[in-house]
C-alpha atoms as a PDB file:
ATOM      1  CA  UNK A   1      17.535 -73.768   5.034  1.00  0.00           C
ATOM      2  CA  UNK A   2      20.840 -74.861   4.023  1.00  0.00           C
ATOM      3  CA  UNK A   3      20.298 -73.020   0.581  1.00  0.00           C
ATOM      4  CA  UNK A   4      19.634 -69.612   2.505  1.00  0.00           C
ATOM      5  CA  UNK A   5      23.132 -70.098   3.982  1.00  0.00           C
ATOM      6  CA  UNK A   6      25.009 -70.805   0.741  1.00  0.00           C
ATOM      7  CA  UNK A   7      23.121 -67.699  -0.511  1.00  0.00           C
ATOM      8  CA  UNK A   8      24.831 -65.560   2.073  1.00  0.00           C
ATOM      9  CA  UNK A   9      27.909 -67.023   1.760  1.00  0.00           C
ATOM     10  CA  UNK A  10      28.004 -66.267  -2.016  1.00  0.00           C
ATOM     11  CA  UNK A  11      26.617 -62.476  -1.133  1.00  0.00           C
ATOM     12  CA  UNK A  12      29.670 -62.266   1.568  1.00  0.00           C
ATOM     13  CA  UNK A  13      32.294 -63.620  -0.953  1.00  0.00           C
ATOM     14  CA  UNK A  14      34.556 -60.596  -2.034  1.00  0.00           C
ATOM     15  CA  UNK A  15      34.128 -59.868  -5.888  1.00  0.00           C
ATOM     16  CA  UNK A  16      38.244 -60.060  -5.795  1.00  0.00           C
ATOM     17  CA  UNK A  17      38.079 -63.490  -5.305  1.00  0.00           C
ATOM     18  CA  UNK A  18      34.715 -64.690  -7.030  1.00  0.00           C
ATOM     19  CA  UNK A  19      35.528 -63.325  -9.789  1.00  0.00           C
ATOM     20  CA  UNK A  20      39.464 -64.378  -9.860  1.00  0.00           C
ATOM     21  CA  UNK A  21      40.891 -65.844 -13.050  1.00  0.00           C
ATOM     22  CA  UNK A  22      41.325 -69.761 -12.645  1.00  0.00           C
ATOM     23  CA  UNK A  23      43.451 -70.287 -15.458  1.00  0.00           C
ATOM     24  CA  UNK A  24      46.148 -68.339 -17.510  1.00  0.00           C
ATOM     25  CA  UNK A  25      43.891 -67.195 -20.338  1.00  0.00           C
ATOM     26  CA  UNK A  26      41.433 -65.802 -18.265  1.00  0.00           C
ATOM     27  CA  UNK A  27      43.538 -62.981 -17.268  1.00  0.00           C
ATOM     28  CA  UNK A  28      42.869 -59.879 -18.692  1.00  0.00           C
ATOM     29  CA  UNK A  29      45.713 -57.804 -20.806  1.00  0.00           C
ATOM     30  CA  UNK A  30      49.567 -58.746 -20.282  1.00  0.00           C
ATOM     31  CA  UNK A  31      48.965 -61.255 -23.193  1.00  0.00           C
ATOM     32  CA  UNK A  32      52.914 -61.259 -24.005  1.00  0.00           C
ATOM     33  CA  UNK A  33      53.647 -61.891 -20.078  1.00  0.00           C
ATOM     34  CA  UNK A  34      50.814 -64.349 -19.946  1.00  0.00           C
ATOM     35  CA  UNK A  35      51.933 -66.090 -23.400  1.00  0.00           C
ATOM     36  CA  UNK A  36      55.607 -66.685 -22.128  1.00  0.00           C
ATOM     37  CA  UNK A  37      54.373 -67.998 -18.597  1.00  0.00           C
ATOM     38  CA  UNK A  38      51.716 -70.435 -20.046  1.00  0.00           C
ATOM     39  CA  UNK A  39      54.987 -72.056 -22.215  1.00  0.00           C
ATOM     40  CA  UNK A  40      56.934 -72.660 -18.827  1.00  0.00           C
ATOM     41  CA  UNK A  41      53.938 -74.228 -17.532  1.00  0.00           C
ATOM     42  CA  UNK A  42      53.718 -76.217 -20.798  1.00  0.00           C
ATOM     43  CA  UNK A  43      57.030 -77.493 -20.204  1.00  0.00           C
ATOM     44  CA  UNK A  44      56.726 -78.258 -16.566  1.00  0.00           C
ATOM     45  CA  UNK A  45      60.314 -75.700 -16.397  1.00  0.00           C
ATOM     46  CA  UNK A  46      59.604 -72.891 -14.016  1.00  0.00           C
ATOM     47  CA  UNK A  47      62.587 -70.259 -13.649  1.00  0.00           C
ATOM     48  CA  UNK A  48      62.524 -67.986 -10.422  1.00  0.00           C
ATOM     49  CA  UNK A  49      59.856 -65.148 -11.394  1.00  0.00           C
ATOM     50  CA  UNK A  50      60.103 -61.784 -10.129  1.00  0.00           C
ATOM     51  CA  UNK A  51      56.208 -59.680 -11.015  1.00  0.00           C
ATOM     52  CA  UNK A  52      56.320 -56.570 -10.282  1.00  0.00           C
ATOM     53  CA  UNK A  53      54.324 -53.869 -11.108  1.00  0.00           C
ATOM     54  CA  UNK A  54      51.141 -51.412  -9.412  1.00  0.00           C
ATOM     55  CA  UNK A  55      48.264 -53.048  -7.072  1.00  0.00           C
ATOM     56  CA  UNK A  56      45.659 -54.683  -8.743  1.00  0.00           C
ATOM     57  CA  UNK A  57      47.320 -55.681 -12.395  1.00  0.00           C
ATOM     58  CA  UNK A  58      47.343 -59.290 -12.177  1.00  0.00           C
ATOM     59  CA  UNK A  59      50.189 -60.325 -10.695  1.00  0.00           C
ATOM     60  CA  UNK A  60      48.443 -62.395  -7.686  1.00  0.00           C
ATOM     61  CA  UNK A  61      45.878 -64.083 -10.219  1.00  0.00           C
ATOM     62  CA  UNK A  62      48.755 -65.298 -12.561  1.00  0.00           C
ATOM     63  CA  UNK A  63      50.779 -67.183 -10.186  1.00  0.00           C
ATOM     64  CA  UNK A  64      47.758 -68.809  -8.393  1.00  0.00           C
ATOM     65  CA  UNK A  65      46.286 -69.762 -12.059  1.00  0.00           C
ATOM     66  CA  UNK A  66      49.767 -71.506 -12.635  1.00  0.00           C
ATOM     67  CA  UNK A  67      49.674 -73.169  -9.566  1.00  0.00           C
ATOM     68  CA  UNK A  68      46.114 -74.930 -10.501  1.00  0.00           C
ATOM     69  CA  UNK A  69      47.521 -75.220 -14.215  1.00  0.00           C
ATOM     70  CA  UNK A  70      50.996 -76.682 -12.928  1.00  0.00           C
ATOM     71  CA  UNK A  71      49.876 -78.673  -9.847  1.00  0.00           C
ATOM     72  CA  UNK A  72      46.408 -79.591  -9.789  1.00  0.00           C
ATOM     73  CA  UNK A  73      45.088 -81.601  -6.913  1.00  0.00           C
ATOM     74  CA  UNK A  74      48.672 -81.854  -5.054  1.00  0.00           C
ATOM     75  CA  UNK A  75      48.814 -77.632  -5.228  1.00  0.00           C
ATOM     76  CA  UNK A  76      48.952 -77.970  -1.354  1.00  0.00           C
ATOM     77  CA  UNK A  77      52.229 -80.030  -0.772  1.00  0.00           C
ATOM     78  CA  UNK A  78      53.915 -78.410  -3.700  1.00  0.00           C
ATOM     79  CA  UNK A  79      53.662 -74.926  -2.925  1.00  0.00           C
ATOM     80  CA  UNK A  80      53.960 -72.546   0.059  1.00  0.00           C
ATOM     81  CA  UNK A  81      52.809 -69.328   0.246  1.00  0.00           C
ATOM     82  CA  UNK A  82      53.529 -66.610   2.632  1.00  0.00           C
ATOM     83  CA  UNK A  83      53.075 -62.715   2.712  1.00  0.00           C
ATOM     84  CA  UNK A  84      56.597 -61.015   3.435  1.00  0.00           C
ATOM     85  CA  UNK A  85      55.047 -58.169   5.056  1.00  0.00           C
ATOM     86  CA  UNK A  86      53.787 -59.852   7.593  1.00  0.00           C
ATOM     87  CA  UNK A  87      57.212 -62.107   8.107  1.00  0.00           C
ATOM     88  CA  UNK A  88      59.468 -60.219   6.328  1.00  0.00           C
ATOM     89  CA  UNK A  89      62.502 -61.081   8.393  1.00  0.00           C
ATOM     90  CA  UNK A  90      65.761 -63.492   8.389  1.00  0.00           C
ATOM     91  CA  UNK A  91      63.713 -66.202  10.840  1.00  0.00           C
ATOM     92  CA  UNK A  92      61.035 -66.810   8.208  1.00  0.00           C
ATOM     93  CA  UNK A  93      63.610 -67.659   5.551  1.00  0.00           C
ATOM     94  CA  UNK A  94      65.408 -69.680   7.677  1.00  0.00           C
ATOM     95  CA  UNK A  95      62.505 -71.312   9.681  1.00  0.00           C
ATOM     96  CA  UNK A  96      59.436 -71.839   7.081  1.00  0.00           C
ATOM     97  CA  UNK A  97      60.906 -71.165   3.720  1.00  0.00           C
ATOM     98  CA  UNK A  98      64.395 -73.365   4.406  1.00  0.00           C
ATOM     99  CA  UNK A  99      62.540 -75.857   5.965  1.00  0.00           C
ATOM    100  CA  UNK A 100      60.104 -76.048   2.786  1.00  0.00           C
ATOM    101  CA  UNK A 101      62.839 -75.754   0.193  1.00  0.00           C
ATOM    102  CA  UNK A 102      65.070 -79.054   1.766  1.00  0.00           C
ATOM    103  CA  UNK A 103      62.077 -81.501   1.972  1.00  0.00           C
ATOM    104  CA  UNK A 104      60.867 -83.578  -0.569  1.00  0.00           C
ATOM    105  CA  UNK A 105      57.345 -85.035  -1.158  1.00  0.00           C
ATOM    106  CA  UNK A 106      57.937 -88.941  -1.195  1.00  0.00           C
ATOM    107  CA  UNK A 107      53.993 -89.496  -1.008  1.00  0.00           C
ATOM    108  CA  UNK A 108      52.212 -86.653  -3.145  1.00  0.00           C
ATOM    109  CA  UNK A 109      52.912 -86.801  -7.219  1.00  0.00           C
ATOM    110  CA  UNK A 110      52.613 -84.018  -9.689  1.00  0.00           C
ATOM    111  CA  UNK A 111      52.705 -85.184 -13.437  1.00  0.00           C
ATOM    112  CA  UNK A 112      53.928 -81.775 -14.903  1.00  0.00           C
ATOM    113  CA  UNK A 113      56.833 -81.443 -12.498  1.00  0.00           C
ATOM    114  CA  UNK A 114      58.927 -82.470  -9.400  1.00  0.00           C
ATOM    115  CA  UNK A 115      60.032 -78.959  -8.756  1.00  0.00           C
ATOM    116  CA  UNK A 116      57.877 -77.392  -5.586  1.00  0.00           C
ATOM    117  CA  UNK A 117      57.136 -73.410  -5.364  1.00  0.00           C
ATOM    118  CA  UNK A 118      57.476 -70.276  -2.862  1.00  0.00           C
ATOM    119  CA  UNK A 119      55.305 -67.390  -3.494  1.00  0.00           C
ATOM    120  CA  UNK A 120      56.336 -64.301  -2.147  1.00  0.00           C
ATOM    121  CA  UNK A 121      53.913 -61.665  -1.712  1.00  0.00           C
ATOM    122  CA  UNK A 122      55.140 -58.081  -0.845  1.00  0.00           C
ATOM    123  CA  UNK A 123      58.511 -59.478  -1.287  1.00  0.00           C
ATOM    124  CA  UNK A 124      59.334 -55.653  -1.319  1.00  0.00           C
ATOM    125  CA  UNK A 125      58.527 -55.318   2.122  1.00  0.00           C
ATOM    126  CA  UNK A 126      61.285 -57.913   3.290  1.00  0.00           C
ATOM    127  CA  UNK A 127      64.522 -56.426   4.988  1.00  0.00           C
ATOM    128  CA  UNK A 128      67.830 -56.616   3.158  1.00  0.00           C
ATOM    129  CA  UNK A 129      69.512 -59.641   5.498  1.00  0.00           C
ATOM    130  CA  UNK A 130      66.250 -61.584   4.771  1.00  0.00           C
ATOM    131  CA  UNK A 131      66.459 -61.374   0.817  1.00  0.00           C
ATOM    132  CA  UNK A 132      69.995 -62.168   1.517  1.00  0.00           C
ATOM    133  CA  UNK A 133      69.514 -65.844   2.586  1.00  0.00           C
ATOM    134  CA  UNK A 134      67.371 -65.789   0.715  1.00  0.00           C
ATOM    135  CA  UNK A 135      69.590 -65.750  -2.275  1.00  0.00           C
ATOM    136  CA  UNK A 136      71.485 -68.649  -0.581  1.00  0.00           C
ATOM    137  CA  UNK A 137      68.473 -70.795  -0.722  1.00  0.00           C
ATOM    138  CA  UNK A 138      67.725 -70.257  -3.754  1.00  0.00           C
ATOM    139  CA  UNK A 139      71.076 -71.690  -5.097  1.00  0.00           C
ATOM    140  CA  UNK A 140      71.521 -74.287  -2.970  1.00  0.00           C
ATOM    141  CA  UNK A 141      68.427 -75.693  -3.058  1.00  0.00           C
ATOM    142  CA  UNK A 142      67.771 -74.962  -6.883  1.00  0.00           C
ATOM    143  CA  UNK A 143      67.332 -78.674  -8.115  1.00  0.00           C
ATOM    144  CA  UNK A 144      64.496 -78.613  -6.022  1.00  0.00           C
ATOM    145  CA  UNK A 145      62.466 -75.388  -5.613  1.00  0.00           C
ATOM    146  CA  UNK A 146      61.257 -72.633  -7.585  1.00  0.00           C
ATOM    147  CA  UNK A 147      60.440 -68.951  -5.991  1.00  0.00           C
ATOM    148  CA  UNK A 148      58.112 -66.496  -7.592  1.00  0.00           C
ATOM    149  CA  UNK A 149      58.124 -63.080  -6.036  1.00  0.00           C
ATOM    150  CA  UNK A 150      55.672 -60.250  -6.230  1.00  0.00           C
ATOM    151  CA  UNK A 151      55.781 -56.835  -5.245  1.00  0.00           C
ATOM    152  CA  UNK A 152      54.940 -53.103  -6.485  1.00  0.00           C
ATOM    153  CA  UNK A 153      58.488 -51.830  -5.854  1.00  0.00           C
ATOM    154  CA  UNK A 154      61.110 -53.939  -7.799  1.00  0.00           C
ATOM    155  CA  UNK A 155      63.994 -51.079  -6.672  1.00  0.00           C
ATOM    156  CA  UNK A 156      63.536 -52.440  -3.012  1.00  0.00           C
ATOM    157  CA  UNK A 157      64.730 -56.395  -4.460  1.00  0.00           C
ATOM    158  CA  UNK A 158      68.293 -56.438  -4.362  1.00  0.00           C
ATOM    159  CA  UNK A 159      70.280 -56.554  -7.107  1.00  0.00           C
ATOM    160  CA  UNK A 160      71.202 -60.285  -6.467  1.00  0.00           C
ATOM    161  CA  UNK A 161      67.253 -61.468  -6.403  1.00  0.00           C
ATOM    162  CA  UNK A 162      66.957 -59.558  -9.523  1.00  0.00           C
ATOM    163  CA  UNK A 163      69.388 -61.356 -11.639  1.00  0.00           C
ATOM    164  CA  UNK A 164      67.940 -65.279 -10.707  1.00  0.00           C
ATOM    165  CA  UNK A 165      64.874 -64.150 -11.570  1.00  0.00           C
ATOM    166  CA  UNK A 166      63.134 -63.838 -15.020  1.00  0.00           C
ATOM    167  CA  UNK A 167      61.134 -60.581 -14.072  1.00  0.00           C
ATOM    168  CA  UNK A 168      58.298 -59.386 -15.907  1.00  0.00           C
ATOM    169  CA  UNK A 169      56.294 -56.275 -15.225  1.00  0.00           C
ATOM    170  CA  UNK A 170      52.188 -55.414 -15.198  1.00  0.00           C
ATOM    171  CA  UNK A 171      51.932 -52.292 -16.170  1.00  0.00           C
ATOM    172  CA  UNK A 172      48.485 -50.711 -15.350  1.00  0.00           C
ATOM    173  CA  UNK A 173      45.084 -52.454 -17.005  1.00  0.00           C
ATOM    174  CA  UNK A 174      44.097 -50.963 -20.261  1.00  0.00           C
ATOM    175  CA  UNK A 175      41.034 -48.791 -20.388  1.00  0.00           C
ATOM    176  CA  UNK A 176      38.972 -51.021 -22.469  1.00  0.00           C
ATOM    177  CA  UNK A 177      39.784 -54.343 -20.368  1.00  0.00           C
ATOM    178  CA  UNK A 178      38.695 -52.609 -17.143  1.00  0.00           C
ATOM    179  CA  UNK A 179      35.071 -51.132 -18.809  1.00  0.00           C
ATOM    180  CA  UNK A 180      34.671 -55.097 -20.071  1.00  0.00           C
ATOM    181  CA  UNK A 181      35.387 -57.148 -17.102  1.00  0.00           C
ATOM    182  CA  UNK A 182      33.368 -54.509 -15.183  1.00  0.00           C
ATOM    183  CA  UNK A 183      30.541 -54.414 -17.285  1.00  0.00           C
ATOM    184  CA  UNK A 184      30.657 -58.682 -17.544  1.00  0.00           C
ATOM    185  CA  UNK A 185      30.895 -58.191 -13.712  1.00  0.00           C
ATOM    186  CA  UNK A 186      27.743 -55.958 -13.185  1.00  0.00           C
ATOM    187  CA  UNK A 187      25.661 -58.067 -15.472  1.00  0.00           C
ATOM    188  CA  UNK A 188      26.686 -61.172 -13.453  1.00  0.00           C
ATOM    189  CA  UNK A 189      25.427 -59.389  -9.861  1.00  0.00           C
ATOM    190  CA  UNK A 190      22.371 -58.097 -11.765  1.00  0.00           C
ATOM    191  CA  UNK A 191      23.550 -54.092 -10.946  1.00  0.00           C
ATOM    192  CA  UNK A 192      22.356 -51.488 -13.055  1.00  0.00           C
ATOM    193  CA  UNK A 193      25.353 -49.285 -14.304  1.00  0.00           C
ATOM    194  CA  UNK A 194      24.962 -46.100 -15.950  1.00  0.00           C
ATOM    195  CA  UNK A 195      27.337 -44.927 -18.185  1.00  0.00           C
ATOM    196  CA  UNK A 196      28.423 -42.212 -15.984  1.00  0.00           C
ATOM    197  CA  UNK A 197      28.766 -44.220 -13.202  1.00  0.00           C
ATOM    198  CA  UNK A 198      30.857 -46.630 -15.767  1.00  0.00           C
ATOM    199  CA  UNK A 199      33.238 -44.199 -15.964  1.00  0.00           C
ATOM    200  CA  UNK A 200      33.619 -42.607 -12.945  1.00  0.00           C
ATOM    201  CA  UNK A 201      34.523 -46.595 -11.281  1.00  0.00           C
ATOM    202  CA  UNK A 202      37.053 -46.798 -14.162  1.00  0.00           C
ATOM    203  CA  UNK A 203      38.452 -43.283 -12.814  1.00  0.00           C
ATOM    204  CA  UNK A 204      38.529 -44.171  -9.309  1.00  0.00           C
ATOM    205  CA  UNK A 205      40.448 -47.396 -10.628  1.00  0.00           C
ATOM    206  CA  UNK A 206      43.571 -45.802 -11.752  1.00  0.00           C
ATOM    207  CA  UNK A 207      43.818 -49.150 -13.932  1.00  0.00           C
ATOM    208  CA  UNK A 208      43.773 -51.413 -10.496  1.00  0.00           C
ATOM    209  CA  UNK A 209      41.137 -53.894 -11.207  1.00  0.00           C
ATOM    210  CA  UNK A 210      41.161 -55.560  -7.638  1.00  0.00           C
ATOM    211  CA  UNK A 211      39.899 -51.819  -6.382  1.00  0.00           C
ATOM    212  CA  UNK A 212      37.389 -50.769  -9.526  1.00  0.00           C
ATOM    213  CA  UNK A 213      35.664 -54.581  -8.153  1.00  0.00           C
ATOM    214  CA  UNK A 214      35.869 -53.743  -4.370  1.00  0.00           C
ATOM    215  CA  UNK A 215      34.076 -50.637  -5.175  1.00  0.00           C
ATOM    216  CA  UNK A 216      31.566 -52.025  -7.466  1.00  0.00           C
ATOM    217  CA  UNK A 217      30.801 -54.702  -4.502  1.00  0.00           C
ATOM    218  CA  UNK A 218      30.764 -52.228  -1.854  1.00  0.00           C
ATOM    219  CA  UNK A 219      28.295 -49.727  -3.662  1.00  0.00           C
ATOM    220  CA  UNK A 220      25.891 -52.106  -4.507  1.00  0.00           C
ATOM    221  CA  UNK A 221      25.809 -53.908  -1.144  1.00  0.00           C
ATOM    222  CA  UNK A 222      25.147 -50.013  -0.014  1.00  0.00           C
ATOM    223  CA  UNK A 223      22.296 -49.444  -3.079  1.00  0.00           C
ATOM    224  CA  UNK A 224      20.675 -52.640  -3.460  1.00  0.00           C
ATOM    225  CA  UNK A 225      18.265 -52.324  -6.401  1.00  0.00           C
ATOM    226  CA  UNK A 226      19.200 -49.335  -7.138  1.00  0.00           C
ATOM    227  CA  UNK A 227      20.745 -47.369 -10.257  1.00  0.00           C
ATOM    228  CA  UNK A 228      24.338 -46.865  -9.694  1.00  0.00           C
ATOM    229  CA  UNK A 229      25.375 -43.529 -11.437  1.00  0.00           C
ATOM    230  CA  UNK A 230      28.174 -41.178 -10.447  1.00  0.00           C
ATOM    231  CA  UNK A 231      26.637 -39.608  -8.146  1.00  0.00           C
ATOM    232  CA  UNK A 232      26.384 -42.785  -5.942  1.00  0.00           C
ATOM    233  CA  UNK A 233      29.268 -44.209  -6.515  1.00  0.00           C
ATOM    234  CA  UNK A 234      31.263 -40.375  -5.685  1.00  0.00           C
ATOM    235  CA  UNK A 235      29.479 -40.341  -2.689  1.00  0.00           C
ATOM    236  CA  UNK A 236      29.428 -44.004  -1.228  1.00  0.00           C
ATOM    237  CA  UNK A 237      32.942 -43.660  -1.868  1.00  0.00           C
ATOM    238  CA  UNK A 238      33.796 -40.379   0.297  1.00  0.00           C
ATOM    239  CA  UNK A 239      34.980 -38.488  -2.825  1.00  0.00           C
ATOM    240  CA  UNK A 240      34.457 -35.145  -3.523  1.00  0.00           C
ATOM    241  CA  UNK A 241      32.108 -34.531  -6.462  1.00  0.00           C
ATOM    242  CA  UNK A 242      33.104 -32.868  -9.739  1.00  0.00           C
ATOM    243  CA  UNK A 243      31.050 -29.473  -8.766  1.00  0.00           C
ATOM    244  CA  UNK A 244      32.454 -29.429  -5.212  1.00  0.00           C
ATOM    245  CA  UNK A 245      35.746 -29.789  -6.407  1.00  0.00           C
ATOM    246  CA  UNK A 246      35.246 -26.899  -8.591  1.00  0.00           C
ATOM    247  CA  UNK A 247      33.170 -25.077  -5.819  1.00  0.00           C
ATOM    248  CA  UNK A 248      36.715 -25.339  -3.556  1.00  0.00           C
ATOM    249  CA  UNK A 249      38.779 -24.348  -6.623  1.00  0.00           C
ATOM    250  CA  UNK A 250      37.161 -21.403  -6.752  1.00  0.00           C
ATOM    251  CA  UNK A 251      37.227 -20.225  -3.439  1.00  0.00           C
ATOM    252  CA  UNK A 252      40.522 -21.064  -3.325  1.00  0.00           C
ATOM    253  CA  UNK A 253      41.746 -19.177  -5.994  1.00  0.00           C
ATOM    254  CA  UNK A 254      38.903 -16.026  -5.400  1.00  0.00           C
ATOM    255  CA  UNK A 255      38.681 -15.569  -1.596  1.00  0.00           C
ATOM    256  CA  UNK A 256      40.502 -15.518   1.404  1.00  0.00           C
ATOM    257  CA  UNK A 257      42.304 -18.124   3.590  1.00  0.00           C
ATOM    258  CA  UNK A 258      39.945 -17.783   6.597  1.00  0.00           C
ATOM    259  CA  UNK A 259      36.915 -18.564   4.060  1.00  0.00           C
ATOM    260  CA  UNK A 260      37.952 -21.477   1.971  1.00  0.00           C
ATOM    261  CA  UNK A 261      39.833 -22.607   5.253  1.00  0.00           C
ATOM    262  CA  UNK A 262      35.735 -22.433   6.730  1.00  0.00           C
ATOM    263  CA  UNK A 263      34.455 -23.799   3.514  1.00  0.00           C
ATOM    264  CA  UNK A 264      36.305 -26.814   3.086  1.00  0.00           C
ATOM    265  CA  UNK A 265      36.249 -27.541   6.923  1.00  0.00           C
ATOM    266  CA  UNK A 266      32.293 -27.212   6.668  1.00  0.00           C
ATOM    267  CA  UNK A 267      32.444 -29.867   3.561  1.00  0.00           C
ATOM    268  CA  UNK A 268      34.587 -32.380   5.050  1.00  0.00           C
ATOM    269  CA  UNK A 269      32.176 -32.495   8.761  1.00  0.00           C
ATOM    270  CA  UNK A 270      29.128 -33.091   6.404  1.00  0.00           C
ATOM    271  CA  UNK A 271      30.842 -34.962   3.738  1.00  0.00           C
ATOM    272  CA  UNK A 272      33.799 -36.894   5.076  1.00  0.00           C
ATOM    273  CA  UNK A 273      36.205 -36.157   2.250  1.00  0.00           C
ATOM    274  CA  UNK A 274      39.783 -36.665   3.652  1.00  0.00           C
ATOM    275  CA  UNK A 275      42.439 -34.011   2.713  1.00  0.00           C
ATOM    276  CA  UNK A 276      44.277 -36.336   0.372  1.00  0.00           C
ATOM    277  CA  UNK A 277      41.323 -36.707  -1.803  1.00  0.00           C
ATOM    278  CA  UNK A 278      40.510 -33.317  -2.092  1.00  0.00           C
ATOM    279  CA  UNK A 279      44.078 -32.792  -3.082  1.00  0.00           C
ATOM    280  CA  UNK A 280      43.743 -35.814  -5.863  1.00  0.00           C
ATOM    281  CA  UNK A 281      40.961 -34.091  -7.651  1.00  0.00           C
ATOM    282  CA  UNK A 282      42.198 -30.771  -7.606  1.00  0.00           C
ATOM    283  CA  UNK A 283      45.415 -31.690  -8.632  1.00  0.00           C
ATOM    284  CA  UNK A 284      43.548 -33.176 -11.866  1.00  0.00           C
ATOM    285  CA  UNK A 285      41.052 -30.491 -12.015  1.00  0.00           C
ATOM    286  CA  UNK A 286      43.936 -28.182 -12.519  1.00  0.00           C
ATOM    287  CA  UNK A 287      45.589 -29.654 -15.497  1.00  0.00           C
ATOM    288  CA  UNK A 288      42.369 -29.111 -17.380  1.00  0.00           C
ATOM    289  CA  UNK A 289      42.867 -25.783 -17.431  1.00  0.00           C
ATOM    290  CA  UNK A 290      44.803 -23.422 -19.059  1.00  0.00           C
ATOM    291  CA  UNK A 291      47.367 -21.967 -16.289  1.00  0.00           C
ATOM    292  CA  UNK A 292      50.457 -20.783 -17.226  1.00  0.00           C
ATOM    293  CA  UNK A 293      53.254 -23.150 -16.273  1.00  0.00           C
ATOM    294  CA  UNK A 294      55.662 -21.104 -14.293  1.00  0.00           C
ATOM    295  CA  UNK A 295      52.495 -21.188 -11.902  1.00  0.00           C
ATOM    296  CA  UNK A 296      51.175 -24.727 -12.520  1.00  0.00           C
ATOM    297  CA  UNK A 297      54.978 -26.081 -11.528  1.00  0.00           C
ATOM    298  CA  UNK A 298      55.535 -23.684  -8.215  1.00  0.00           C
ATOM    299  CA  UNK A 299      52.039 -24.988  -7.136  1.00  0.00           C
ATOM    300  CA  UNK A 300      52.551 -28.761  -7.827  1.00  0.00           C
ATOM    301  CA  UNK A 301      55.837 -28.407  -6.312  1.00  0.00           C
ATOM    302  CA  UNK A 302      54.105 -27.257  -3.137  1.00  0.00           C
ATOM    303  CA  UNK A 303      51.211 -30.091  -4.133  1.00  0.00           C
ATOM    304  CA  UNK A 304      54.508 -32.736  -3.943  1.00  0.00           C
ATOM    305  CA  UNK A 305      55.690 -31.223  -0.108  1.00  0.00           C
ATOM    306  CA  UNK A 306      52.333 -31.284   1.305  1.00  0.00           C
ATOM    307  CA  UNK A 307      51.065 -35.037   0.292  1.00  0.00           C
ATOM    308  CA  UNK A 308      54.398 -36.229   1.438  1.00  0.00           C
ATOM    309  CA  UNK A 309      53.251 -35.027   4.996  1.00  0.00           C
ATOM    310  CA  UNK A 310      49.872 -35.984   4.638  1.00  0.00           C
ATOM    311  CA  UNK A 311      51.365 -39.483   4.041  1.00  0.00           C
ATOM    312  CA  UNK A 312      53.937 -39.277   7.173  1.00  0.00           C
ATOM    313  CA  UNK A 313      50.500 -38.874   9.028  1.00  0.00           C
ATOM    314  CA  UNK A 314      50.418 -34.937   9.520  1.00  0.00           C
ATOM    315  CA  UNK A 315      47.917 -32.739  11.328  1.00  0.00           C
ATOM    316  CA  UNK A 316      44.776 -32.451   8.972  1.00  0.00           C
ATOM    317  CA  UNK A 317      43.933 -28.742  10.134  1.00  0.00           C
ATOM    318  CA  UNK A 318      47.662 -28.103   9.359  1.00  0.00           C
ATOM    319  CA  UNK A 319      47.891 -29.967   5.976  1.00  0.00           C
ATOM    320  CA  UNK A 320      44.791 -28.206   5.416  1.00  0.00           C
ATOM    321  CA  UNK A 321      46.182 -24.348   5.881  1.00  0.00           C
ATOM    322  CA  UNK A 322      49.243 -25.431   4.051  1.00  0.00           C
ATOM    323  CA  UNK A 323      47.684 -26.532   1.360  1.00  0.00           C
ATOM    324  CA  UNK A 324      45.349 -23.227   1.146  1.00  0.00           C
ATOM    325  CA  UNK A 325      48.866 -21.238   1.595  1.00  0.00           C
ATOM    326  CA  UNK A 326      49.597 -23.062  -1.238  1.00  0.00           C
ATOM    327  CA  UNK A 327      46.899 -21.449  -4.035  1.00  0.00           C
ATOM    328  CA  UNK A 328      47.335 -18.570  -2.358  1.00  0.00           C
ATOM    329  CA  UNK A 329      51.133 -18.363  -3.561  1.00  0.00           C
ATOM    330  CA  UNK A 330      49.492 -19.897  -7.112  1.00  0.00           C
ATOM    331  CA  UNK A 331      46.911 -16.675  -7.287  1.00  0.00           C
ATOM    332  CA  UNK A 332      49.790 -14.443  -6.748  1.00  0.00           C
ATOM    333  CA  UNK A 333      51.867 -16.101  -9.549  1.00  0.00           C
ATOM    334  CA  UNK A 334      48.920 -15.740 -11.760  1.00  0.00           C
ATOM    335  CA  UNK A 335      48.122 -11.950 -10.812  1.00  0.00           C
ATOM    336  CA  UNK A 336      51.626 -11.267 -11.441  1.00  0.00           C
ATOM    337  CA  UNK A 337      51.438 -12.678 -15.131  1.00  0.00           C
ATOM    338  CA  UNK A 338      48.218 -10.712 -15.126  1.00  0.00           C
ATOM    339  CA  UNK A 339      46.448 -13.954 -16.075  1.00  0.00           C
ATOM    340  CA  UNK A 340      42.344 -13.545 -16.084  1.00  0.00           C
ATOM    341  CA  UNK A 341      40.922 -15.138 -12.763  1.00  0.00           C
ATOM    342  CA  UNK A 342      37.148 -14.929 -14.447  1.00  0.00           C
ATOM    343  CA  UNK A 343      38.480 -18.112 -16.449  1.00  0.00           C
ATOM    344  CA  UNK A 344      38.472 -20.110 -13.542  1.00  0.00           C
END
């Protein structure tokens, strides 16, 4: 009975956590960054750190590996982890952060360092007054504590904070690293992943290893003991198939607005695709054609405006109508330039 319960717990464990690197040497890509941080850990002398870059590139895994190597079993006494997107006001700085920074460990000791560590995930969500208050704590308690700020957008961190930190950018992971990691995990979990399935997974991930693992786990759970190919992955994640994108593009460039609208709404009702997913795939498809630059520029300008409104919660029907209208303008420009529409 106990063995069955353990097995169920393992099945429910997110693969992101199950396969998270335990030590710095296990982190893929970012060799130069990891090498530098490794030297800090070996000396037991951490500066304030600012780790920034897109999601799923290893920022959190890096600092958690640092904690394990630096503090070992004493980690709970020396490390404070906060998600700044939940508690982003000045009160959390005055209460939790300041209290932790000014306290000292009299009973728990660590061989490598006496410095405590405060980890602020999603620090770019912190308000500017909170960042200014934190700056003073960084100055006043420099002998006792170090800060590690994790964020996606470094421009949202005040210059005063940035100047006090050693900054490392985590760029999107290289394709070969993502491919090898995905294949290793698929093998460990007995997932039969085809080559086109792997390619689709990497494409959907867009350099985000967290997203790749989450997608792979979702697909494997919903299609147990099945071969995972491109069609299975895209249909499970509600992403339009390549042939569907081509058909949508054909409607948008050759049919009336009414026909295009009816086709897409019918497809959405059957498959559940969002306008944003359709737009992203249309954008990638358009770049594969040899359209005149002026026509593409006109379309992409409209794409940007529509995407912004879509992200702001605009009505789906109106957004779809605006998208079709953008293609009608695009088509008009192609006609003006006497482009052969049979090439689409």
